[in-house]
Every structure is written in structure tokens, then in C-alpha cells.
Amino acid sequence: MPRVSFLCTLLTAMLLTACGGGNGGDALTKQEYQDRLDTTRTELRTSFDALGTQLEGALQGSGSLDEAASEVESIQEKLRAQAEELEDLTPPDDATEANDTLASGMQELADDLDAFKSALESEDFDKIQAEANKIETFASGKKLQQAGDDLEAAGYSFSE
């Protein structure tokens, strides 16, 4: 089951390079939007790190797959909430399109994680492995990567 740790790393990487249109209020300045992207990235990184810890604990017998499934559900809720917040922002003009892509990619990733969560709940390691393998090919991941690339091209940073 070492691919499960890779899965957490992959999901975190997708979001860290993508976390960044808006429907309300004045447009954010570039710095305000960058700060919002940083907050989103930090919050999601914490969640994915917790999932990695849960999965490692389950594999080592000090945790359970049910706890890991609960962590996936928590991540899904955070992804959806973050996506809604991004949708409600008015980003700078140079980030509007990428922000929309980012928000929709986060919503789609939350949906894509349903099968992985179900596999964890089933406690069937073959099913868990099969679902973990699918994560690498999620269209939502490609969408998040594109949003991140577009934001970086516009001058936004995703470094630590």
C-alpha cells in the first residue's frame, strides 16, 4: 500500500500548485489575492497531511481506515467550501479565468474522491489500491494544474 502515501503527496502537490470568477465586491489587489491563495494552500495542505497520517496509521495498525475515510470526507467538505469562497471573490483581472478554473477543479476533485472514500470504508485493500491508482488520472487534477500554471504565468507564487 505504499502508493497511498504517494496519493497524498500527489493530491497535495496538485492543490499546492493550483490554489489560488468572482461574483461579488471590489476586485482584490494582486497581494490580497496572493494572500488568499496562500491561505487556501495552507488549509488544504494541513488536511492532506492529516489524511496521510491517518492512512499511515491504518497501514501500521495504529489507526483505522474508517478514520482515513472520515478525513477524506473532511477534505471534500473543505475543497467545496474553499471553491465556493473562490467563486465569491473578485480576483484581479489577470487571475479571473484561472480562479474560475481553480474553483471548478476543486469542486470536481471533491466529487472524484467519493470512490476513494468508499474504498477506504470497504476496507478492501485491492479496491483501495485500484482507486488510489485512478487519482493520478483525474481530470480535476489536470484542471487544477492548468489553473496553477495560468496563475504562475500571471505572476502569482506558490513557493513555501
N, C-alpha and C. Protein backbone atom coordinates (compact mmCIF):
# COMPACT_ATOMS: atom_id res chain seq x y z
N MET A 1 0.79 -1.21 0.00
CA MET A 1 0.00 0.00 0.00
C MET A 1 0.84 1.27 0.00
N PRO A 2 2.10 1.22 -0.41
CA PRO A 2 2.91 2.43 -0.41
C PRO A 2 2.37 3.49 -1.37
N ARG A 3 1.58 3.10 -2.34
CA ARG A 3 1.05 4.08 -3.28
C ARG A 3 0.07 5.02 -2.61
N VAL A 4 -0.48 4.63 -1.48
CA VAL A 4 -1.41 5.52 -0.78
C VAL A 4 -0.67 6.76 -0.29
N SER A 5 0.54 6.60 0.21
CA SER A 5 1.33 7.77 0.61
C SER A 5 1.63 8.64 -0.61
N PHE A 6 1.93 7.99 -1.73
CA PHE A 6 2.15 8.73 -2.96
C PHE A 6 0.90 9.51 -3.34
N LEU A 7 -0.26 8.89 -3.15
CA LEU A 7 -1.53 9.54 -3.45
C LEU A 7 -1.67 10.84 -2.68
N CYS A 8 -1.39 10.80 -1.39
CA CYS A 8 -1.50 12.02 -0.58
C CYS A 8 -0.53 13.08 -1.08
N THR A 9 0.67 12.67 -1.43
CA THR A 9 1.66 13.60 -1.95
C THR A 9 1.18 14.19 -3.27
N LEU A 10 0.63 13.36 -4.12
CA LEU A 10 0.14 13.81 -5.42
C LEU A 10 -1.00 14.82 -5.26
N LEU A 11 -1.99 14.49 -4.44
CA LEU A 11 -3.11 15.40 -4.23
C LEU A 11 -2.65 16.72 -3.64
N THR A 12 -1.74 16.66 -2.68
CA THR A 12 -1.22 17.88 -2.08
C THR A 12 -0.50 18.71 -3.14
N ALA A 13 0.31 18.07 -3.95
CA ALA A 13 1.06 18.79 -4.99
C ALA A 13 0.12 19.46 -5.98
N MET A 14 -0.94 18.75 -6.37
CA MET A 14 -1.89 19.34 -7.31
C MET A 14 -2.50 20.61 -6.73
N LEU A 15 -2.88 20.55 -5.49
CA LEU A 15 -3.52 21.70 -4.87
C LEU A 15 -2.52 22.81 -4.55
N LEU A 16 -1.33 22.45 -4.16
CA LEU A 16 -0.35 23.48 -3.82
C LEU A 16 0.06 24.27 -5.05
N THR A 17 0.09 23.63 -6.20
CA THR A 17 0.46 24.36 -7.40
C THR A 17 -0.73 25.07 -8.01
N ALA A 18 -1.93 24.76 -7.55
CA ALA A 18 -3.11 25.35 -8.15
C ALA A 18 -3.82 26.35 -7.26
N CYS A 19 -3.69 26.26 -5.97
CA CYS A 19 -4.53 27.08 -5.10
C CYS A 19 -4.32 28.55 -5.31
N GLY A 20 -5.34 29.03 -5.69
CA GLY A 20 -5.42 30.40 -5.87
C GLY A 20 -6.54 31.00 -5.05
N GLY A 21 -15.39 33.73 -12.45
CA GLY A 21 -14.55 34.34 -11.42
C GLY A 21 -15.39 34.84 -10.30
N GLY A 22 -14.87 35.75 -9.87
CA GLY A 22 -15.52 36.28 -8.70
C GLY A 22 -16.85 36.89 -9.04
N ASN A 23 -17.74 36.88 -8.05
CA ASN A 23 -19.08 37.40 -8.27
C ASN A 23 -19.40 38.61 -7.42
N GLY A 24 -18.60 38.90 -6.41
CA GLY A 24 -19.05 39.96 -5.54
C GLY A 24 -17.93 40.85 -5.07
N GLY A 25 -18.29 42.11 -4.82
CA GLY A 25 -17.38 43.05 -4.20
C GLY A 25 -16.35 43.60 -5.16
N ASP A 26 -15.51 44.47 -4.58
CA ASP A 26 -14.43 45.06 -5.35
C ASP A 26 -13.38 44.01 -5.66
N ALA A 27 -12.71 44.22 -6.77
CA ALA A 27 -11.64 43.30 -7.14
C ALA A 27 -10.53 43.37 -6.11
N LEU A 28 -10.02 42.21 -5.77
CA LEU A 28 -8.90 42.14 -4.85
C LEU A 28 -7.65 42.67 -5.55
N THR A 29 -6.74 43.21 -4.77
CA THR A 29 -5.44 43.56 -5.33
C THR A 29 -4.67 42.27 -5.56
N LYS A 30 -3.59 42.39 -6.29
CA LYS A 30 -2.77 41.21 -6.54
C LYS A 30 -2.28 40.61 -5.22
N GLN A 31 -1.84 41.46 -4.28
CA GLN A 31 -1.34 40.96 -3.00
C GLN A 31 -2.47 40.33 -2.17
N GLU A 32 -3.64 40.94 -2.18
CA GLU A 32 -4.77 40.36 -1.44
C GLU A 32 -5.13 38.98 -1.99
N TYR A 33 -5.10 38.87 -3.31
CA TYR A 33 -5.42 37.58 -3.93
C TYR A 33 -4.32 36.56 -3.63
N GLN A 34 -3.07 37.00 -3.70
CA GLN A 34 -1.95 36.10 -3.36
C GLN A 34 -2.11 35.61 -1.92
N ASP A 35 -2.48 36.50 -1.01
CA ASP A 35 -2.68 36.11 0.38
C ASP A 35 -3.79 35.08 0.50
N ARG A 36 -4.84 35.25 -0.29
CA ARG A 36 -5.97 34.30 -0.26
C ARG A 36 -5.52 32.94 -0.79
N LEU A 37 -4.73 32.95 -1.85
CA LEU A 37 -4.19 31.69 -2.38
C LEU A 37 -3.33 30.99 -1.33
N ASP A 38 -2.51 31.77 -0.63
CA ASP A 38 -1.64 31.20 0.40
C ASP A 38 -2.46 30.57 1.52
N THR A 39 -3.53 31.23 1.92
CA THR A 39 -4.41 30.70 2.98
C THR A 39 -5.06 29.40 2.52
N THR A 40 -5.56 29.39 1.30
CA THR A 40 -6.19 28.19 0.75
C THR A 40 -5.19 27.04 0.72
N ARG A 41 -4.00 27.32 0.23
CA ARG A 41 -2.97 26.29 0.14
C ARG A 41 -2.63 25.74 1.52
N THR A 42 -2.46 26.60 2.50
CA THR A 42 -2.10 26.17 3.85
C THR A 42 -3.19 25.30 4.46
N GLU A 43 -4.44 25.73 4.32
CA GLU A 43 -5.55 24.97 4.89
C GLU A 43 -5.67 23.59 4.25
N LEU A 44 -5.53 23.52 2.96
CA LEU A 44 -5.64 22.24 2.28
C LEU A 44 -4.43 21.35 2.54
N ARG A 45 -3.26 21.93 2.63
CA ARG A 45 -2.06 21.14 2.95
C ARG A 45 -2.23 20.48 4.31
N THR A 46 -2.73 21.21 5.28
CA THR A 46 -2.95 20.66 6.62
C THR A 46 -3.90 19.46 6.54
N SER A 47 -4.95 19.59 5.75
CA SER A 47 -5.92 18.50 5.61
C SER A 47 -5.30 17.28 4.94
N PHE A 48 -4.54 17.49 3.88
CA PHE A 48 -3.92 16.36 3.19
C PHE A 48 -2.82 15.71 4.04
N ASP A 49 -2.13 16.51 4.82
CA ASP A 49 -1.14 15.94 5.74
C ASP A 49 -1.84 15.06 6.77
N ALA A 50 -2.99 15.51 7.26
CA ALA A 50 -3.75 14.70 8.23
C ALA A 50 -4.22 13.40 7.60
N LEU A 51 -4.63 13.45 6.34
CA LEU A 51 -5.02 12.22 5.65
C LEU A 51 -3.84 11.27 5.54
N GLY A 52 -2.69 11.78 5.18
CA GLY A 52 -1.50 10.95 5.09
C GLY A 52 -1.19 10.28 6.41
N THR A 53 -1.31 11.02 7.49
CA THR A 53 -1.08 10.46 8.82
C THR A 53 -2.10 9.38 9.14
N GLN A 54 -3.37 9.62 8.79
CA GLN A 54 -4.41 8.62 9.03
C GLN A 54 -4.14 7.35 8.23
N LEU A 55 -3.76 7.51 6.98
CA LEU A 55 -3.50 6.34 6.14
C LEU A 55 -2.29 5.56 6.64
N GLU A 56 -1.25 6.26 7.00
CA GLU A 56 -0.07 5.57 7.53
C GLU A 56 -0.41 4.83 8.81
N GLY A 57 -1.19 5.47 9.69
CA GLY A 57 -1.61 4.83 10.93
C GLY A 57 -2.43 3.58 10.67
N ALA A 58 -3.32 3.65 9.69
CA ALA A 58 -4.16 2.49 9.35
C ALA A 58 -3.29 1.35 8.83
N LEU A 59 -2.30 1.68 8.03
CA LEU A 59 -1.42 0.65 7.48
C LEU A 59 -0.51 0.03 8.54
N GLN A 60 -0.20 0.80 9.56
CA GLN A 60 0.69 0.31 10.61
C GLN A 60 -0.09 -0.26 11.81
N GLY A 61 -1.40 -0.24 11.72
CA GLY A 61 -2.21 -0.80 12.78
C GLY A 61 -2.49 0.13 13.94
N SER A 62 -2.06 1.37 13.85
CA SER A 62 -2.33 2.32 14.94
C SER A 62 -3.50 3.24 14.64
N GLY A 63 -4.15 3.04 13.52
CA GLY A 63 -5.30 3.83 13.13
C GLY A 63 -6.26 2.94 12.36
N SER A 64 -7.28 3.56 11.82
CA SER A 64 -8.25 2.76 11.08
C SER A 64 -8.54 3.39 9.72
N LEU A 65 -8.98 2.53 8.82
CA LEU A 65 -9.37 3.02 7.50
C LEU A 65 -10.63 3.86 7.59
N ASP A 66 -11.48 3.59 8.58
CA ASP A 66 -12.67 4.43 8.79
C ASP A 66 -12.27 5.87 9.14
N GLU A 67 -11.22 6.00 9.96
CA GLU A 67 -10.74 7.34 10.30
C GLU A 67 -10.18 8.03 9.05
N ALA A 68 -9.50 7.27 8.22
CA ALA A 68 -8.97 7.83 6.97
C ALA A 68 -10.12 8.25 6.05
N ALA A 69 -11.17 7.43 5.99
CA ALA A 69 -12.34 7.78 5.17
C ALA A 69 -12.99 9.05 5.70
N SER A 70 -13.04 9.19 7.02
CA SER A 70 -13.59 10.42 7.61
C SER A 70 -12.74 11.63 7.24
N GLU A 71 -11.43 11.43 7.19
CA GLU A 71 -10.54 12.53 6.81
C GLU A 71 -10.76 12.91 5.34
N VAL A 72 -10.99 11.91 4.48
CA VAL A 72 -11.29 12.21 3.08
C VAL A 72 -12.58 13.03 2.99
N GLU A 73 -13.58 12.65 3.76
CA GLU A 73 -14.84 13.40 3.76
C GLU A 73 -14.61 14.84 4.23
N SER A 74 -13.77 15.01 5.24
CA SER A 74 -13.43 16.35 5.71
C SER A 74 -12.74 17.16 4.62
N ILE A 75 -11.84 16.51 3.90
CA ILE A 75 -11.15 17.17 2.79
C ILE A 75 -12.16 17.58 1.72
N GLN A 76 -13.09 16.70 1.41
CA GLN A 76 -14.10 17.02 0.41
C GLN A 76 -14.89 18.26 0.83
N GLU A 77 -15.27 18.31 2.09
CA GLU A 77 -16.02 19.47 2.58
C GLU A 77 -15.18 20.74 2.47
N LYS A 78 -13.89 20.65 2.82
CA LYS A 78 -13.02 21.82 2.73
C LYS A 78 -12.81 22.24 1.29
N LEU A 79 -12.64 21.28 0.39
CA LEU A 79 -12.49 21.62 -1.02
C LEU A 79 -13.71 22.36 -1.53
N ARG A 80 -14.88 21.87 -1.18
CA ARG A 80 -16.12 22.52 -1.64
C ARG A 80 -16.27 23.91 -1.04
N ALA A 81 -15.96 24.04 0.24
CA ALA A 81 -16.06 25.35 0.89
C ALA A 81 -15.06 26.33 0.30
N GLN A 82 -13.83 25.88 0.09
CA GLN A 82 -12.81 26.74 -0.49
C GLN A 82 -13.20 27.15 -1.91
N ALA A 83 -13.75 26.21 -2.67
CA ALA A 83 -14.17 26.51 -4.04
C ALA A 83 -15.27 27.57 -4.03
N GLU A 84 -16.22 27.44 -3.12
CA GLU A 84 -17.28 28.44 -3.03
C GLU A 84 -16.72 29.81 -2.66
N GLU A 85 -15.76 29.83 -1.74
CA GLU A 85 -15.14 31.10 -1.38
C GLU A 85 -14.42 31.72 -2.57
N LEU A 86 -13.71 30.90 -3.34
CA LEU A 86 -13.03 31.43 -4.52
C LEU A 86 -14.03 31.95 -5.55
N GLU A 87 -15.15 31.24 -5.69
CA GLU A 87 -16.18 31.69 -6.63
C GLU A 87 -16.77 33.03 -6.21
N ASP A 88 -16.80 33.30 -4.92
CA ASP A 88 -17.38 34.54 -4.42
C ASP A 88 -16.41 35.72 -4.46
N LEU A 89 -15.14 35.44 -4.70
CA LEU A 89 -14.14 36.51 -4.79
C LEU A 89 -14.23 37.23 -6.13
N THR A 90 -13.73 38.43 -6.13
CA THR A 90 -13.48 39.12 -7.39
C THR A 90 -11.97 39.26 -7.48
N PRO A 91 -11.33 38.32 -8.16
CA PRO A 91 -9.86 38.36 -8.24
C PRO A 91 -9.40 39.48 -9.17
N PRO A 92 -8.13 39.78 -9.16
CA PRO A 92 -7.60 40.73 -10.14
C PRO A 92 -7.91 40.22 -11.55
N ASP A 93 -7.98 41.13 -12.48
CA ASP A 93 -8.31 40.77 -13.86
C ASP A 93 -7.41 39.67 -14.41
N ASP A 94 -6.13 39.68 -14.03
CA ASP A 94 -5.21 38.70 -14.59
C ASP A 94 -5.38 37.30 -13.99
N ALA A 95 -6.28 37.16 -13.02
CA ALA A 95 -6.50 35.87 -12.37
C ALA A 95 -7.93 35.37 -12.50
N THR A 96 -8.79 36.12 -13.14
CA THR A 96 -10.21 35.77 -13.18
C THR A 96 -10.47 34.39 -13.78
N GLU A 97 -9.93 34.15 -14.95
CA GLU A 97 -10.17 32.88 -15.63
C GLU A 97 -9.56 31.70 -14.85
N ALA A 98 -8.34 31.88 -14.38
CA ALA A 98 -7.67 30.82 -13.61
C ALA A 98 -8.41 30.57 -12.30
N ASN A 99 -8.93 31.61 -11.69
CA ASN A 99 -9.68 31.45 -10.44
C ASN A 99 -10.93 30.60 -10.68
N ASP A 100 -11.61 30.86 -11.78
CA ASP A 100 -12.80 30.06 -12.11
C ASP A 100 -12.41 28.59 -12.34
N THR A 101 -11.31 28.37 -13.05
CA THR A 101 -10.83 27.01 -13.30
C THR A 101 -10.43 26.34 -12.00
N LEU A 102 -9.77 27.08 -11.14
CA LEU A 102 -9.36 26.56 -9.84
C LEU A 102 -10.57 26.14 -9.01
N ALA A 103 -11.56 27.00 -8.93
CA ALA A 103 -12.76 26.70 -8.13
C ALA A 103 -13.48 25.47 -8.68
N SER A 104 -13.66 25.41 -9.98
CA SER A 104 -14.37 24.25 -10.54
C SER A 104 -13.54 22.98 -10.40
N GLY A 105 -12.21 23.08 -10.51
CA GLY A 105 -11.35 21.92 -10.33
C GLY A 105 -11.42 21.39 -8.90
N MET A 106 -11.51 22.29 -7.94
CA MET A 106 -11.62 21.87 -6.54
C MET A 106 -12.95 21.16 -6.29
N GLN A 107 -14.02 21.68 -6.87
CA GLN A 107 -15.33 21.02 -6.74
C GLN A 107 -15.28 19.63 -7.36
N GLU A 108 -14.69 19.53 -8.53
CA GLU A 108 -14.60 18.25 -9.22
C GLU A 108 -13.71 17.26 -8.46
N LEU A 109 -12.62 17.74 -7.88
CA LEU A 109 -11.76 16.86 -7.09
C LEU A 109 -12.52 16.32 -5.89
N ALA A 110 -13.30 17.16 -5.26
CA ALA A 110 -14.11 16.70 -4.12
C ALA A 110 -15.03 15.56 -4.56
N ASP A 111 -15.65 15.71 -5.71
CA ASP A 111 -16.52 14.65 -6.23
C ASP A 111 -15.71 13.41 -6.60
N ASP A 112 -14.55 13.62 -7.22
CA ASP A 112 -13.71 12.49 -7.64
C ASP A 112 -13.25 11.64 -6.46
N LEU A 113 -13.14 12.23 -5.30
CA LEU A 113 -12.66 11.50 -4.12
C LEU A 113 -13.72 10.57 -3.51
N ASP A 114 -14.95 10.64 -4.00
CA ASP A 114 -16.01 9.77 -3.46
C ASP A 114 -15.64 8.29 -3.54
N ALA A 115 -15.15 7.86 -4.68
CA ALA A 115 -14.83 6.44 -4.87
C ALA A 115 -13.68 6.00 -3.95
N PHE A 116 -12.71 6.87 -3.75
CA PHE A 116 -11.60 6.54 -2.85
C PHE A 116 -12.11 6.42 -1.41
N LYS A 117 -12.98 7.35 -1.02
CA LYS A 117 -13.56 7.29 0.32
C LYS A 117 -14.35 5.99 0.50
N SER A 118 -15.13 5.62 -0.49
CA SER A 118 -15.90 4.37 -0.42
C SER A 118 -14.99 3.16 -0.32
N ALA A 119 -13.89 3.19 -1.05
CA ALA A 119 -12.93 2.08 -0.98
C ALA A 119 -12.34 1.97 0.42
N LEU A 120 -12.01 3.10 1.02
CA LEU A 120 -11.49 3.07 2.39
C LEU A 120 -12.53 2.49 3.35
N GLU A 121 -13.76 2.90 3.17
CA GLU A 121 -14.84 2.40 4.04
C GLU A 121 -15.04 0.90 3.88
N SER A 122 -14.77 0.40 2.68
CA SER A 122 -14.94 -1.04 2.42
C SER A 122 -13.84 -1.87 3.08
N GLU A 123 -12.71 -1.23 3.39
CA GLU A 123 -11.54 -1.88 3.97
C GLU A 123 -10.98 -3.00 3.08
N ASP A 124 -11.27 -2.90 1.79
CA ASP A 124 -10.78 -3.85 0.80
C ASP A 124 -9.53 -3.23 0.16
N PHE A 125 -8.35 -3.77 0.54
CA PHE A 125 -7.09 -3.17 0.09
C PHE A 125 -6.93 -3.18 -1.42
N ASP A 126 -7.44 -4.20 -2.10
CA ASP A 126 -7.36 -4.20 -3.57
C ASP A 126 -8.17 -3.05 -4.15
N LYS A 127 -9.34 -2.82 -3.58
CA LYS A 127 -10.19 -1.73 -4.05
C LYS A 127 -9.55 -0.38 -3.72
N ILE A 128 -8.97 -0.27 -2.54
CA ILE A 128 -8.29 0.97 -2.15
C ILE A 128 -7.15 1.26 -3.13
N GLN A 129 -6.35 0.24 -3.42
CA GLN A 129 -5.23 0.41 -4.35
C GLN A 129 -5.72 0.82 -5.74
N ALA A 130 -6.78 0.17 -6.20
CA ALA A 130 -7.32 0.49 -7.52
C ALA A 130 -7.79 1.95 -7.58
N GLU A 131 -8.47 2.38 -6.54
CA GLU A 131 -8.96 3.77 -6.52
C GLU A 131 -7.80 4.75 -6.37
N ALA A 132 -6.80 4.39 -5.58
CA ALA A 132 -5.62 5.26 -5.43
C ALA A 132 -4.92 5.43 -6.77
N ASN A 133 -4.85 4.37 -7.55
CA ASN A 133 -4.22 4.45 -8.87
C ASN A 133 -4.96 5.39 -9.81
N LYS A 134 -6.27 5.46 -9.67
CA LYS A 134 -7.08 6.33 -10.54
C LYS A 134 -6.84 7.81 -10.27
N ILE A 135 -6.44 8.13 -9.06
CA ILE A 135 -6.30 9.53 -8.68
C ILE A 135 -5.30 10.26 -9.58
N GLU A 136 -4.27 9.55 -10.00
CA GLU A 136 -3.26 10.17 -10.86
C GLU A 136 -3.83 10.65 -12.19
N THR A 137 -4.96 10.11 -12.60
CA THR A 137 -5.50 10.45 -13.92
C THR A 137 -6.77 11.30 -13.84
N PHE A 138 -7.11 11.77 -12.67
CA PHE A 138 -8.32 12.60 -12.53
C PHE A 138 -8.25 13.82 -13.45
N ALA A 139 -9.31 14.07 -14.15
CA ALA A 139 -9.40 15.29 -14.96
C ALA A 139 -9.35 16.52 -14.06
N SER A 140 -9.87 16.39 -12.85
CA SER A 140 -9.84 17.52 -11.92
C SER A 140 -8.40 17.90 -11.58
N GLY A 141 -7.52 16.93 -11.50
CA GLY A 141 -6.11 17.22 -11.23
C GLY A 141 -5.47 18.00 -12.37
N LYS A 142 -5.83 17.61 -13.58
CA LYS A 142 -5.30 18.34 -14.74
C LYS A 142 -5.84 19.77 -14.76
N LYS A 143 -7.09 19.92 -14.37
CA LYS A 143 -7.70 21.26 -14.32
C LYS A 143 -7.01 22.11 -13.25
N LEU A 144 -6.74 21.52 -12.10
CA LEU A 144 -6.05 22.25 -11.04
C LEU A 144 -4.63 22.63 -11.47
N GLN A 145 -3.95 21.73 -12.15
CA GLN A 145 -2.61 22.02 -12.63
C GLN A 145 -2.64 23.18 -13.63
N GLN A 146 -3.63 23.16 -14.52
CA GLN A 146 -3.75 24.24 -15.50
C GLN A 146 -4.00 25.58 -14.82
N ALA A 147 -4.87 25.58 -13.82
CA ALA A 147 -5.13 26.82 -13.08
C ALA A 147 -3.85 27.32 -12.42
N GLY A 148 -3.10 26.42 -11.81
CA GLY A 148 -1.84 26.80 -11.18
C GLY A 148 -0.85 27.36 -12.18
N ASP A 149 -0.73 26.70 -13.32
CA ASP A 149 0.17 27.18 -14.37
C ASP A 149 -0.23 28.57 -14.84
N ASP A 150 -1.52 28.77 -15.05
CA ASP A 150 -2.01 30.07 -15.51
C ASP A 150 -1.76 31.17 -14.47
N LEU A 151 -1.97 30.84 -13.21
CA LEU A 151 -1.73 31.82 -12.15
C LEU A 151 -0.25 32.14 -12.03
N GLU A 152 0.60 31.13 -12.14
CA GLU A 152 2.05 31.39 -12.09
C GLU A 152 2.48 32.24 -13.28
N ALA A 153 1.90 32.00 -14.45
CA ALA A 153 2.22 32.80 -15.63
C ALA A 153 1.81 34.26 -15.43
N ALA A 154 0.78 34.47 -14.61
CA ALA A 154 0.31 35.83 -14.32
C ALA A 154 1.10 36.47 -13.16
N GLY A 155 2.06 35.73 -12.62
CA GLY A 155 2.92 36.32 -11.59
C GLY A 155 2.59 35.95 -10.16
N TYR A 156 1.71 34.97 -9.97
CA TYR A 156 1.39 34.53 -8.61
C TYR A 156 2.36 33.44 -8.22
N SER A 157 2.67 33.38 -6.95
CA SER A 157 3.69 32.45 -6.47
C SER A 157 3.07 31.34 -5.63
N PHE A 158 3.66 30.15 -5.73
CA PHE A 158 3.20 29.02 -4.94
C PHE A 158 4.35 28.40 -4.16
N SER A 159 5.38 29.20 -3.92
CA SER A 159 6.51 28.69 -3.14
C SER A 159 6.16 28.74 -1.66
N GLU A 160 6.89 27.96 -0.91
CA GLU A 160 6.66 27.89 0.54
C GLU A 160 7.15 29.12 1.23
